[in-house]
């Protein structure tokens, strides 16, 4: 069993920044996928930014050049730096991890990001 705990959400004005954190209860070195998804009201959950095995990154087109995913392997933590936030970035942001040893997805409970003036 793996626990993922997100933090860092909140209310921010358009153009502002936030940094989300996702702390895992086990090493993130052996993950197939580790990263961030979001779900806005009335919409399906979508990929935001992830690490794939080998350390490559994938970003949604809508967040490229504004969001940056990073990780601290020693702390088993993945981060999402969000800059130049827009109202359409408002959503619950979820952390997802898929470990090769388990072959299943683990999700955090989510953290709410609201971008509004």
C-alpha atoms as a PDB file:
ATOM      1  CA  UNK A   1       0.000   0.000   0.000  1.00  0.00           C
ATOM      2  CA  UNK A   2       1.242   3.461  -0.904  1.00  0.00           C
ATOM      3  CA  UNK A   3       0.006   6.804   0.394  1.00  0.00           C
ATOM      4  CA  UNK A   4       0.287  10.035  -1.552  1.00  0.00           C
ATOM      5  CA  UNK A   5      -0.264  13.316   0.244  1.00  0.00           C
ATOM      6  CA  UNK A   6      -0.719  16.517  -1.720  1.00  0.00           C
ATOM      7  CA  UNK A   7      -0.328  20.001  -0.298  1.00  0.00           C
ATOM      8  CA  UNK A   8       0.092  23.579  -1.443  1.00  0.00           C
ATOM      9  CA  UNK A   9      -3.254  24.389  -3.003  1.00  0.00           C
ATOM     10  CA  UNK A  10      -5.159  27.557  -2.319  1.00  0.00           C
ATOM     11  CA  UNK A  11      -6.609  30.743  -3.719  1.00  0.00           C
ATOM     12  CA  UNK A  12      -4.419  32.842  -5.995  1.00  0.00           C
ATOM     13  CA  UNK A  13      -5.024  35.780  -8.313  1.00  0.00           C
ATOM     14  CA  UNK A  14      -4.598  35.462 -12.069  1.00  0.00           C
ATOM     15  CA  UNK A  15      -0.928  35.772 -12.964  1.00  0.00           C
ATOM     16  CA  UNK A  16       0.143  34.442  -9.588  1.00  0.00           C
ATOM     17  CA  UNK A  17       2.093  31.346  -8.609  1.00  0.00           C
ATOM     18  CA  UNK A  18       1.683  28.295  -6.422  1.00  0.00           C
ATOM     19  CA  UNK A  19       3.810  25.258  -5.713  1.00  0.00           C
ATOM     20  CA  UNK A  20       2.186  21.918  -5.068  1.00  0.00           C
ATOM     21  CA  UNK A  21       3.882  19.051  -3.282  1.00  0.00           C
ATOM     22  CA  UNK A  22       3.147  15.343  -3.326  1.00  0.00           C
ATOM     23  CA  UNK A  23       4.843  13.237  -0.675  1.00  0.00           C
ATOM     24  CA  UNK A  24       4.893   9.484  -1.216  1.00  0.00           C
ATOM     25  CA  UNK A  25       5.159   6.866   1.510  1.00  0.00           C
ATOM     26  CA  UNK A  26       7.771   4.912  -0.437  1.00  0.00           C
ATOM     27  CA  UNK A  27      10.599   5.587  -2.827  1.00  0.00           C
ATOM     28  CA  UNK A  28       9.587   7.211  -6.091  1.00  0.00           C
ATOM     29  CA  UNK A  29      12.633   5.884  -7.940  1.00  0.00           C
ATOM     30  CA  UNK A  30      10.862   2.772  -9.166  1.00  0.00           C
ATOM     31  CA  UNK A  31       7.761   4.434 -10.539  1.00  0.00           C
ATOM     32  CA  UNK A  32       6.535   3.982 -14.084  1.00  0.00           C
ATOM     33  CA  UNK A  33       4.591   7.224 -13.791  1.00  0.00           C
ATOM     34  CA  UNK A  34       4.632   9.913 -11.110  1.00  0.00           C
ATOM     35  CA  UNK A  35       2.998  13.258 -11.423  1.00  0.00           C
ATOM     36  CA  UNK A  36       0.012  15.528 -11.542  1.00  0.00           C
ATOM     37  CA  UNK A  37      -3.489  15.449 -12.928  1.00  0.00           C
ATOM     38  CA  UNK A  38      -6.379  17.842 -12.447  1.00  0.00           C
ATOM     39  CA  UNK A  39     -10.144  17.825 -12.582  1.00  0.00           C
ATOM     40  CA  UNK A  40     -12.155  20.989 -13.066  1.00  0.00           C
ATOM     41  CA  UNK A  41     -15.856  21.151 -12.177  1.00  0.00           C
ATOM     42  CA  UNK A  42     -17.926  19.320 -14.770  1.00  0.00           C
ATOM     43  CA  UNK A  43     -14.871  18.045 -16.629  1.00  0.00           C
ATOM     44  CA  UNK A  44     -12.919  14.833 -16.791  1.00  0.00           C
ATOM     45  CA  UNK A  45      -9.619  14.366 -15.040  1.00  0.00           C
ATOM     46  CA  UNK A  46      -6.692  15.308 -17.270  1.00  0.00           C
ATOM     47  CA  UNK A  47      -2.936  14.999 -17.275  1.00  0.00           C
ATOM     48  CA  UNK A  48      -1.026  18.104 -16.222  1.00  0.00           C
ATOM     49  CA  UNK A  49       2.597  17.011 -15.897  1.00  0.00           C
ATOM     50  CA  UNK A  50       4.273  13.709 -15.165  1.00  0.00           C
ATOM     51  CA  UNK A  51       7.573  11.921 -14.894  1.00  0.00           C
ATOM     52  CA  UNK A  52       7.773   8.663 -16.792  1.00  0.00           C
ATOM     53  CA  UNK A  53      10.229   5.853 -16.150  1.00  0.00           C
ATOM     54  CA  UNK A  54      13.731   7.057 -16.856  1.00  0.00           C
ATOM     55  CA  UNK A  55      12.948  10.558 -15.684  1.00  0.00           C
ATOM     56  CA  UNK A  56      11.408  11.983 -18.843  1.00  0.00           C
ATOM     57  CA  UNK A  57       8.634  14.533 -18.469  1.00  0.00           C
ATOM     58  CA  UNK A  58       5.331  15.069 -20.260  1.00  0.00           C
ATOM     59  CA  UNK A  59       3.258  18.222 -20.046  1.00  0.00           C
ATOM     60  CA  UNK A  60      -0.219  19.130 -21.203  1.00  0.00           C
ATOM     61  CA  UNK A  61      -0.046  21.691 -23.984  1.00  0.00           C
ATOM     62  CA  UNK A  62      -2.140  24.076 -21.916  1.00  0.00           C
ATOM     63  CA  UNK A  63       0.507  24.323 -19.175  1.00  0.00           C
ATOM     64  CA  UNK A  64       3.761  24.158 -21.129  1.00  0.00           C
ATOM     65  CA  UNK A  65       6.036  27.124 -20.396  1.00  0.00           C
ATOM     66  CA  UNK A  66       3.991  27.954 -17.280  1.00  0.00           C
ATOM     67  CA  UNK A  67       4.219  24.850 -15.085  1.00  0.00           C
ATOM     68  CA  UNK A  68       7.312  22.898 -14.075  1.00  0.00           C
ATOM     69  CA  UNK A  69       7.397  19.444 -12.543  1.00  0.00           C
ATOM     70  CA  UNK A  70      10.342  18.461 -10.386  1.00  0.00           C
ATOM     71  CA  UNK A  71      11.195  15.857  -7.786  1.00  0.00           C
ATOM     72  CA  UNK A  72      13.335  15.272  -4.736  1.00  0.00           C
ATOM     73  CA  UNK A  73      14.088  11.574  -4.707  1.00  0.00           C
ATOM     74  CA  UNK A  74      15.619  11.691  -1.226  1.00  0.00           C
ATOM     75  CA  UNK A  75      12.343  13.110   0.109  1.00  0.00           C
ATOM     76  CA  UNK A  76      10.082  10.899  -2.049  1.00  0.00           C
ATOM     77  CA  UNK A  77       8.377  14.093  -3.162  1.00  0.00           C
ATOM     78  CA  UNK A  78       7.215  15.475  -6.480  1.00  0.00           C
ATOM     79  CA  UNK A  79       6.512  19.158  -6.979  1.00  0.00           C
ATOM     80  CA  UNK A  80       4.509  21.226  -9.418  1.00  0.00           C
ATOM     81  CA  UNK A  81       5.554  24.847  -9.762  1.00  0.00           C
ATOM     82  CA  UNK A  82       2.685  26.753 -11.332  1.00  0.00           C
ATOM     83  CA  UNK A  83       3.362  30.235 -12.677  1.00  0.00           C
ATOM     84  CA  UNK A  84       1.259  32.691 -14.672  1.00  0.00           C
ATOM     85  CA  UNK A  85      -1.873  31.024 -13.377  1.00  0.00           C
ATOM     86  CA  UNK A  86      -5.121  31.517 -15.248  1.00  0.00           C
ATOM     87  CA  UNK A  87      -8.742  31.116 -14.112  1.00  0.00           C
ATOM     88  CA  UNK A  88      -8.979  28.030 -16.317  1.00  0.00           C
ATOM     89  CA  UNK A  89      -6.325  26.374 -14.157  1.00  0.00           C
ATOM     90  CA  UNK A  90      -8.878  26.203 -11.357  1.00  0.00           C
ATOM     91  CA  UNK A  91      -9.308  22.536 -10.438  1.00  0.00           C
ATOM     92  CA  UNK A  92      -8.603  19.874  -7.885  1.00  0.00           C
ATOM     93  CA  UNK A  93      -5.055  18.701  -8.492  1.00  0.00           C
ATOM     94  CA  UNK A  94      -4.265  15.056  -7.879  1.00  0.00           C
ATOM     95  CA  UNK A  95      -1.001  13.236  -7.523  1.00  0.00           C
ATOM     96  CA  UNK A  96      -0.704   9.868  -9.239  1.00  0.00           C
ATOM     97  CA  UNK A  97       1.940   7.215  -8.818  1.00  0.00           C
ATOM     98  CA  UNK A  98       2.359   3.878 -10.554  1.00  0.00           C
ATOM     99  CA  UNK A  99       5.016   1.603  -9.152  1.00  0.00           C
ATOM    100  CA  UNK A 100       6.414  -1.200 -11.264  1.00  0.00           C
ATOM    101  CA  UNK A 101       6.338  -3.545  -8.269  1.00  0.00           C
ATOM    102  CA  UNK A 102       2.589  -3.112  -7.772  1.00  0.00           C
ATOM    103  CA  UNK A 103       1.290  -2.513 -11.270  1.00  0.00           C
ATOM    104  CA  UNK A 104      -1.594  -0.373 -10.071  1.00  0.00           C
ATOM    105  CA  UNK A 105      -2.235   3.339  -9.790  1.00  0.00           C
ATOM    106  CA  UNK A 106      -2.214   5.164  -6.493  1.00  0.00           C
ATOM    107  CA  UNK A 107      -3.886   8.545  -6.156  1.00  0.00           C
ATOM    108  CA  UNK A 108      -3.815  11.216  -3.544  1.00  0.00           C
ATOM    109  CA  UNK A 109      -6.979  12.859  -2.247  1.00  0.00           C
ATOM    110  CA  UNK A 110      -6.315  16.047  -4.148  1.00  0.00           C
ATOM    111  CA  UNK A 111      -5.674  19.685  -3.370  1.00  0.00           C
ATOM    112  CA  UNK A 112      -7.866  22.519  -4.601  1.00  0.00           C
ATOM    113  CA  UNK A 113      -6.387  25.338  -6.649  1.00  0.00           C
ATOM    114  CA  UNK A 114      -8.610  28.340  -7.278  1.00  0.00           C
ATOM    115  CA  UNK A 115      -7.468  31.120  -9.581  1.00  0.00           C
ATOM    116  CA  UNK A 116      -9.687  34.125  -9.188  1.00  0.00           C
ATOM    117  CA  UNK A 117      -9.541  37.858  -8.636  1.00  0.00           C
END
